[in-house]
N, C-alpha and C. Protein backbone atom coordinates (compact mmCIF):
# COMPACT_ATOMS: atom_id res chain seq x y z
N MET A 1 83.71 111.77 112.60
CA MET A 1 84.99 111.16 112.33
C MET A 1 85.36 111.31 110.85
N ARG A 2 86.60 111.58 110.63
CA ARG A 2 87.10 111.65 109.26
C ARG A 2 87.46 110.23 108.80
N PRO A 3 87.24 109.94 107.53
CA PRO A 3 87.51 108.58 107.05
C PRO A 3 89.00 108.25 107.03
N ILE A 4 89.35 107.15 107.67
CA ILE A 4 90.75 106.71 107.71
C ILE A 4 91.22 106.30 106.31
N GLU A 5 90.27 105.96 105.43
CA GLU A 5 90.61 105.52 104.07
C GLU A 5 91.36 106.59 103.27
N ARG A 6 91.31 107.83 103.70
CA ARG A 6 91.96 108.91 102.96
C ARG A 6 93.47 108.94 103.20
N ILE A 7 93.93 108.41 104.31
CA ILE A 7 95.30 108.67 104.76
C ILE A 7 96.36 108.09 103.81
N LYS A 8 96.34 106.82 103.55
CA LYS A 8 97.39 106.22 102.71
C LYS A 8 97.40 106.80 101.29
N PRO A 9 96.23 106.95 100.64
CA PRO A 9 96.26 107.56 99.30
C PRO A 9 96.74 109.02 99.31
N TYR A 10 96.36 109.79 100.33
CA TYR A 10 96.82 111.17 100.41
C TYR A 10 98.33 111.23 100.60
N ILE A 11 98.86 110.40 101.49
CA ILE A 11 100.31 110.38 101.71
C ILE A 11 101.02 109.98 100.41
N HIS A 12 100.49 108.98 99.72
CA HIS A 12 101.08 108.55 98.45
C HIS A 12 101.14 109.71 97.45
N LEU A 13 100.06 110.45 97.34
CA LEU A 13 100.04 111.60 96.43
C LEU A 13 101.04 112.67 96.87
N LEU A 14 101.08 112.94 98.16
CA LEU A 14 101.95 114.00 98.66
C LEU A 14 103.43 113.66 98.52
N LYS A 15 103.77 112.38 98.60
CA LYS A 15 105.17 111.98 98.45
C LYS A 15 105.74 112.42 97.11
N GLY A 16 104.90 112.48 96.09
CA GLY A 16 105.37 112.85 94.76
C GLY A 16 105.35 114.34 94.48
N MET A 17 104.99 115.14 95.46
CA MET A 17 104.85 116.58 95.24
C MET A 17 106.04 117.34 95.81
N ASN A 18 106.38 118.41 95.14
CA ASN A 18 107.37 119.35 95.67
C ASN A 18 106.76 120.74 95.79
N ASN A 19 105.45 120.80 95.72
CA ASN A 19 104.78 122.10 95.72
C ASN A 19 104.98 122.85 97.04
N ALA A 20 105.02 124.15 96.91
CA ALA A 20 105.02 125.00 98.09
C ALA A 20 103.61 125.07 98.63
N ILE A 21 103.50 125.12 99.93
CA ILE A 21 102.20 125.33 100.54
C ILE A 21 102.23 126.69 101.20
N ASP A 22 101.23 127.50 100.91
CA ASP A 22 101.15 128.83 101.50
C ASP A 22 100.69 128.72 102.93
N ILE A 23 101.50 129.21 103.85
CA ILE A 23 101.12 129.15 105.26
C ILE A 23 100.68 130.50 105.79
N SER A 24 100.85 131.52 105.02
CA SER A 24 100.32 132.83 105.35
C SER A 24 100.44 133.68 104.10
N GLU A 25 99.96 134.90 104.17
CA GLU A 25 100.07 135.79 103.02
C GLU A 25 101.52 136.13 102.73
N LYS A 26 102.40 135.98 103.71
CA LYS A 26 103.79 136.41 103.57
C LYS A 26 104.77 135.26 103.45
N GLU A 27 104.31 134.04 103.68
CA GLU A 27 105.27 132.95 103.81
C GLU A 27 104.72 131.68 103.16
N SER A 28 105.60 130.90 102.62
CA SER A 28 105.22 129.58 102.14
C SER A 28 106.34 128.61 102.46
N ILE A 29 105.97 127.36 102.50
CA ILE A 29 106.94 126.30 102.76
C ILE A 29 106.84 125.30 101.62
N THR A 30 107.97 124.94 101.07
CA THR A 30 107.99 123.85 100.10
C THR A 30 108.20 122.57 100.87
N LEU A 31 107.28 121.64 100.73
CA LEU A 31 107.36 120.41 101.52
C LEU A 31 108.68 119.70 101.29
N SER A 32 109.21 119.76 100.07
CA SER A 32 110.48 119.08 99.82
C SER A 32 111.62 119.77 100.57
N GLN A 33 111.51 121.08 100.83
CA GLN A 33 112.54 121.78 101.58
C GLN A 33 112.50 121.42 103.06
N SER A 34 111.28 121.19 103.56
CA SER A 34 111.18 120.83 104.97
C SER A 34 111.48 119.35 105.17
N LYS A 35 111.60 118.60 104.07
CA LYS A 35 111.94 117.18 104.08
C LYS A 35 111.13 116.38 105.09
N PRO A 36 109.81 116.42 104.95
CA PRO A 36 109.02 115.62 105.89
C PRO A 36 109.26 114.13 105.69
N ASP A 37 109.24 113.42 106.77
CA ASP A 37 109.34 111.96 106.74
C ASP A 37 107.91 111.45 106.58
N TYR A 38 107.52 111.21 105.33
CA TYR A 38 106.13 110.84 105.06
C TYR A 38 105.74 109.52 105.71
N ASP A 39 106.69 108.61 105.84
CA ASP A 39 106.38 107.35 106.51
C ASP A 39 106.03 107.59 107.97
N GLU A 40 106.79 108.45 108.62
CA GLU A 40 106.50 108.79 110.02
C GLU A 40 105.20 109.58 110.13
N LEU A 41 104.98 110.52 109.21
CA LEU A 41 103.72 111.28 109.23
C LEU A 41 102.53 110.35 109.03
N GLU A 42 102.68 109.37 108.13
CA GLU A 42 101.60 108.41 107.90
C GLU A 42 101.32 107.61 109.17
N LYS A 43 102.37 107.16 109.84
CA LYS A 43 102.21 106.39 111.07
C LYS A 43 101.46 107.21 112.13
N ILE A 44 101.87 108.44 112.32
CA ILE A 44 101.23 109.31 113.31
C ILE A 44 99.78 109.58 112.92
N TRP A 45 99.56 109.81 111.63
CA TRP A 45 98.22 110.12 111.16
C TRP A 45 97.29 108.91 111.32
N LEU A 46 97.80 107.72 111.04
CA LEU A 46 96.99 106.51 111.23
C LEU A 46 96.65 106.28 112.70
N GLU A 47 97.54 106.71 113.59
CA GLU A 47 97.26 106.63 115.02
C GLU A 47 96.25 107.68 115.47
N ASN A 48 96.12 108.74 114.69
CA ASN A 48 95.22 109.86 115.00
C ASN A 48 94.40 110.21 113.76
N PRO A 49 93.56 109.29 113.30
CA PRO A 49 92.91 109.47 112.00
C PRO A 49 91.90 110.62 111.93
N ASP A 50 91.48 111.13 113.06
CA ASP A 50 90.55 112.25 113.01
C ASP A 50 91.27 113.59 112.88
N TRP A 51 92.59 113.57 112.99
CA TRP A 51 93.35 114.80 112.76
C TRP A 51 93.31 115.15 111.28
N ARG A 52 93.29 116.43 110.99
CA ARG A 52 93.49 116.89 109.63
C ARG A 52 94.99 116.75 109.32
N PHE A 53 95.34 116.65 108.03
CA PHE A 53 96.76 116.52 107.68
C PHE A 53 97.53 117.74 108.17
N THR A 54 96.93 118.91 108.08
CA THR A 54 97.63 120.11 108.56
C THR A 54 97.87 120.04 110.06
N GLN A 55 96.98 119.39 110.80
CA GLN A 55 97.21 119.20 112.23
C GLN A 55 98.40 118.27 112.46
N VAL A 56 98.51 117.23 111.63
CA VAL A 56 99.66 116.34 111.72
C VAL A 56 100.94 117.14 111.49
N LEU A 57 100.94 117.99 110.45
CA LEU A 57 102.13 118.79 110.14
C LEU A 57 102.48 119.74 111.29
N VAL A 58 101.48 120.38 111.88
CA VAL A 58 101.72 121.30 112.99
C VAL A 58 102.15 120.53 114.24
N ASN A 59 101.42 119.46 114.56
CA ASN A 59 101.70 118.72 115.79
C ASN A 59 103.06 118.03 115.78
N THR A 60 103.59 117.76 114.60
CA THR A 60 104.92 117.14 114.50
C THR A 60 106.03 118.19 114.32
N GLY A 61 105.65 119.47 114.27
CA GLY A 61 106.63 120.53 114.10
C GLY A 61 107.12 120.68 112.68
N THR A 62 106.46 120.03 111.72
CA THR A 62 106.88 120.11 110.32
C THR A 62 106.65 121.51 109.78
N ILE A 63 105.54 122.12 110.16
CA ILE A 63 105.26 123.51 109.78
C ILE A 63 104.82 124.26 111.03
N PRO A 64 105.01 125.58 111.04
CA PRO A 64 104.53 126.37 112.18
C PRO A 64 103.02 126.55 112.09
N ASN A 65 102.43 126.77 113.22
CA ASN A 65 100.99 127.03 113.25
C ASN A 65 100.73 128.53 113.18
N PHE A 66 99.70 128.88 112.47
CA PHE A 66 99.20 130.24 112.48
C PHE A 66 97.79 130.14 113.03
N PRO A 67 97.55 130.67 114.23
CA PRO A 67 96.24 130.50 114.87
C PRO A 67 95.09 130.84 113.93
N GLY A 68 94.11 129.95 113.92
CA GLY A 68 92.93 130.16 113.11
C GLY A 68 93.10 129.84 111.65
N PHE A 69 94.28 129.32 111.27
CA PHE A 69 94.49 129.07 109.86
C PHE A 69 94.78 127.60 109.60
N TRP A 70 96.05 127.19 109.73
CA TRP A 70 96.45 125.83 109.36
C TRP A 70 95.70 124.76 110.10
N TYR A 71 95.60 124.94 111.37
CA TYR A 71 95.06 123.87 112.20
C TYR A 71 93.65 123.48 111.79
N TYR A 72 92.94 124.39 111.15
CA TYR A 72 91.53 124.15 110.83
C TYR A 72 91.28 123.97 109.34
N THR A 73 92.32 123.76 108.56
CA THR A 73 92.16 123.53 107.12
C THR A 73 91.81 122.07 106.90
N GLU A 74 90.64 121.84 106.31
CA GLU A 74 90.20 120.47 106.06
C GLU A 74 91.09 119.82 104.99
N ASP A 75 91.21 118.50 105.08
CA ASP A 75 92.07 117.77 104.16
C ASP A 75 91.71 117.99 102.71
N LEU A 76 90.43 117.96 102.39
CA LEU A 76 90.03 118.16 100.99
C LEU A 76 90.47 119.53 100.50
N ASP A 77 90.28 120.57 101.30
CA ASP A 77 90.72 121.92 100.91
C ASP A 77 92.23 121.95 100.70
N PHE A 78 92.96 121.34 101.61
CA PHE A 78 94.42 121.30 101.51
C PHE A 78 94.85 120.60 100.22
N MET A 79 94.28 119.43 99.97
CA MET A 79 94.68 118.66 98.79
C MET A 79 94.32 119.37 97.49
N LEU A 80 93.15 119.98 97.44
CA LEU A 80 92.77 120.73 96.24
C LEU A 80 93.68 121.94 96.05
N ASN A 81 94.02 122.63 97.15
CA ASN A 81 94.93 123.78 97.07
C ASN A 81 96.33 123.36 96.65
N MET A 82 96.69 122.11 96.91
CA MET A 82 98.00 121.60 96.49
C MET A 82 98.00 121.25 95.00
N GLY A 83 96.83 121.31 94.37
CA GLY A 83 96.76 121.09 92.94
C GLY A 83 96.28 119.72 92.50
N PHE A 84 95.85 118.91 93.45
CA PHE A 84 95.35 117.59 93.09
C PHE A 84 93.96 117.70 92.47
N GLU A 85 93.67 116.78 91.58
CA GLU A 85 92.37 116.75 90.92
C GLU A 85 91.31 116.24 91.89
N PRO A 86 90.11 116.82 91.83
CA PRO A 86 89.03 116.36 92.71
C PRO A 86 88.81 114.86 92.64
N ARG A 87 88.91 114.27 91.46
CA ARG A 87 88.66 112.83 91.30
C ARG A 87 89.63 111.98 92.12
N ASP A 88 90.81 112.54 92.41
CA ASP A 88 91.83 111.80 93.15
C ASP A 88 91.75 111.98 94.66
N VAL A 89 91.02 113.00 95.12
CA VAL A 89 91.04 113.30 96.56
C VAL A 89 89.66 113.40 97.21
N MET A 90 88.60 113.43 96.41
CA MET A 90 87.25 113.52 96.98
C MET A 90 86.74 112.13 97.33
N LEU A 91 86.26 111.99 98.53
CA LEU A 91 85.68 110.74 99.01
C LEU A 91 84.17 110.89 99.16
N TRP A 92 83.48 109.78 98.95
CA TRP A 92 82.03 109.75 99.14
C TRP A 92 81.72 108.53 100.00
N GLY A 93 80.96 108.75 101.05
CA GLY A 93 80.54 107.66 101.92
C GLY A 93 79.31 106.98 101.34
N THR A 94 79.32 105.66 101.32
CA THR A 94 78.19 104.93 100.75
C THR A 94 77.85 103.72 101.62
N TYR A 95 76.58 103.42 101.65
CA TYR A 95 76.09 102.22 102.33
C TYR A 95 75.70 101.15 101.31
N GLY A 96 76.23 101.26 100.11
CA GLY A 96 75.94 100.30 99.06
C GLY A 96 74.71 100.69 98.26
N LYS A 97 74.54 100.02 97.15
CA LYS A 97 73.46 100.34 96.21
C LYS A 97 72.08 100.27 96.86
N ASN A 98 71.89 99.33 97.78
CA ASN A 98 70.59 99.17 98.43
C ASN A 98 70.55 99.76 99.84
N GLY A 99 71.64 100.40 100.25
CA GLY A 99 71.69 101.02 101.56
C GLY A 99 71.79 100.05 102.72
N ASP A 100 72.19 98.81 102.45
CA ASP A 100 72.20 97.79 103.49
C ASP A 100 73.60 97.26 103.80
N GLN A 101 74.62 97.99 103.38
CA GLN A 101 76.01 97.57 103.61
C GLN A 101 76.65 98.47 104.67
N PRO A 102 77.74 98.02 105.26
CA PRO A 102 78.48 98.91 106.19
C PRO A 102 79.00 100.13 105.43
N LEU A 103 79.13 101.24 106.12
CA LEU A 103 79.64 102.47 105.51
C LEU A 103 81.03 102.22 104.93
N LYS A 104 81.19 102.65 103.70
CA LYS A 104 82.47 102.51 102.99
C LYS A 104 82.72 103.84 102.27
N TYR A 105 83.97 104.29 102.29
CA TYR A 105 84.33 105.52 101.58
C TYR A 105 85.02 105.16 100.27
N VAL A 106 84.62 105.85 99.21
CA VAL A 106 85.12 105.57 97.87
C VAL A 106 85.60 106.88 97.25
N PHE A 107 86.76 106.83 96.61
CA PHE A 107 87.23 108.02 95.88
C PHE A 107 86.38 108.21 94.64
N LEU A 108 86.17 109.46 94.28
CA LEU A 108 85.35 109.80 93.12
C LEU A 108 85.81 109.03 91.88
N LYS A 109 87.10 108.92 91.66
CA LYS A 109 87.62 108.23 90.47
C LYS A 109 87.25 106.76 90.44
N ASP A 110 86.89 106.18 91.60
CA ASP A 110 86.57 104.76 91.68
C ASP A 110 85.07 104.47 91.73
N MET A 111 84.26 105.52 91.76
CA MET A 111 82.81 105.33 91.80
C MET A 111 82.30 104.93 90.43
N THR A 112 81.22 104.16 90.41
CA THR A 112 80.63 103.80 89.12
C THR A 112 79.93 105.01 88.52
N ASN A 113 79.82 105.00 87.20
CA ASN A 113 79.11 106.08 86.51
C ASN A 113 77.67 106.16 87.02
N GLU A 114 77.06 104.98 87.17
CA GLU A 114 75.67 104.91 87.63
C GLU A 114 75.51 105.52 89.02
N HIS A 115 76.46 105.25 89.90
CA HIS A 115 76.39 105.78 91.27
C HIS A 115 76.49 107.30 91.27
N ILE A 116 77.44 107.81 90.50
CA ILE A 116 77.60 109.27 90.42
C ILE A 116 76.33 109.91 89.90
N GLN A 117 75.77 109.36 88.83
CA GLN A 117 74.54 109.92 88.27
C GLN A 117 73.38 109.82 89.28
N ALA A 118 73.30 108.72 90.00
CA ALA A 118 72.24 108.56 91.00
C ALA A 118 72.37 109.60 92.11
N ILE A 119 73.58 109.91 92.51
CA ILE A 119 73.78 110.95 93.53
C ILE A 119 73.31 112.30 93.00
N ILE A 120 73.71 112.63 91.79
CA ILE A 120 73.30 113.91 91.19
C ILE A 120 71.78 113.99 91.12
N ASP A 121 71.15 112.88 90.75
CA ASP A 121 69.69 112.87 90.56
C ASP A 121 68.90 112.86 91.87
N THR A 122 69.45 112.27 92.92
CA THR A 122 68.64 112.07 94.13
C THR A 122 69.08 112.86 95.36
N GLN A 123 70.34 113.22 95.43
CA GLN A 123 70.83 113.90 96.64
C GLN A 123 70.83 115.41 96.44
N LYS A 124 69.69 115.99 96.68
CA LYS A 124 69.51 117.42 96.40
C LYS A 124 70.22 118.33 97.40
N SER A 125 70.65 117.77 98.53
CA SER A 125 71.28 118.61 99.55
C SER A 125 72.81 118.57 99.50
N ILE A 126 73.40 117.92 98.49
CA ILE A 126 74.87 117.90 98.44
C ILE A 126 75.38 119.30 98.09
N SER A 127 76.58 119.57 98.51
CA SER A 127 77.17 120.88 98.27
C SER A 127 77.43 121.09 96.78
N ASP A 128 77.48 122.35 96.38
CA ASP A 128 77.81 122.67 94.99
C ASP A 128 79.18 122.10 94.62
N ARG A 129 80.11 122.12 95.57
CA ARG A 129 81.46 121.60 95.31
C ARG A 129 81.39 120.15 94.84
N TYR A 130 80.62 119.34 95.54
CA TYR A 130 80.50 117.93 95.17
C TYR A 130 79.68 117.76 93.90
N LYS A 131 78.59 118.48 93.79
CA LYS A 131 77.75 118.35 92.59
C LYS A 131 78.55 118.69 91.33
N ILE A 132 79.28 119.78 91.37
CA ILE A 132 80.08 120.20 90.22
C ILE A 132 81.17 119.16 89.94
N ALA A 133 81.83 118.67 90.99
CA ALA A 133 82.87 117.65 90.80
C ALA A 133 82.29 116.39 90.18
N PHE A 134 81.10 115.98 90.63
CA PHE A 134 80.46 114.78 90.07
C PHE A 134 80.10 115.00 88.61
N GLU A 135 79.54 116.15 88.29
CA GLU A 135 79.18 116.46 86.90
C GLU A 135 80.44 116.50 86.03
N ASN A 136 81.50 117.13 86.54
CA ASN A 136 82.76 117.20 85.79
C ASN A 136 83.37 115.81 85.59
N GLU A 137 83.24 114.96 86.59
CA GLU A 137 83.77 113.60 86.47
C GLU A 137 83.05 112.83 85.37
N LEU A 138 81.72 112.95 85.34
CA LEU A 138 80.97 112.26 84.28
C LEU A 138 81.33 112.81 82.90
N GLU A 139 81.52 114.10 82.80
CA GLU A 139 81.93 114.71 81.54
C GLU A 139 83.33 114.22 81.14
N TYR A 140 84.24 114.17 82.10
CA TYR A 140 85.60 113.67 81.86
C TYR A 140 85.56 112.23 81.35
N ARG A 141 84.74 111.42 81.98
CA ARG A 141 84.62 110.02 81.56
C ARG A 141 84.02 109.91 80.17
N LYS A 142 83.04 110.73 79.88
CA LYS A 142 82.43 110.72 78.54
C LYS A 142 83.47 111.11 77.49
N ASP A 143 84.22 112.18 77.77
CA ASP A 143 85.24 112.67 76.83
C ASP A 143 86.37 111.66 76.63
N ASN A 144 86.64 110.84 77.64
CA ASN A 144 87.74 109.89 77.59
C ASN A 144 87.28 108.44 77.46
N ASN A 145 86.00 108.29 77.14
CA ASN A 145 85.42 106.96 76.93
C ASN A 145 85.70 106.02 78.11
N ILE A 146 85.44 106.53 79.31
CA ILE A 146 85.65 105.75 80.55
C ILE A 146 84.28 105.41 81.12
N LYS A 147 84.06 104.14 81.36
CA LYS A 147 82.82 103.71 82.00
C LYS A 147 83.19 102.73 83.11
N ILE A 148 82.86 103.11 84.32
CA ILE A 148 83.08 102.23 85.46
C ILE A 148 81.73 101.69 85.87
N GLU A 149 81.63 100.37 85.84
CA GLU A 149 80.35 99.72 86.11
C GLU A 149 80.44 98.88 87.37
N ASP A 150 79.28 98.54 87.92
CA ASP A 150 79.24 97.61 89.05
C ASP A 150 79.83 96.28 88.64
N VAL A 151 80.55 95.67 89.56
CA VAL A 151 81.16 94.36 89.27
C VAL A 151 80.21 93.26 89.63
């Protein structure tokens, strides 16, 4: 299952964008030109939270489908290709500091510095994409004097 926690923040980010999305090597669609009703897309997506955003766009007729392409584009890939920063769109599932809490998804920008460092130090099987994003986030925070601590 895909985390439902991604839907409202992703829609919020997309509402402010006018970027074109490439739907094939020959064609692109500017979301502002297709005038999607983001409130309606959000409603449909919340009813079908395991759908990828591109599936929502195709299933609502907002964009045409290209077999083997749009329908299978993961949300993170879509959001990164739209130009969003990893810290704003990457989610990490956590069971809490001691592993005894219900699963909760947290955006990278909201994770504590200690948590990010602990993941880098202990989770050897994470993808390079996440490891690099986590390292870059810690560097960004260091450069901007940002420290997020446990409350």
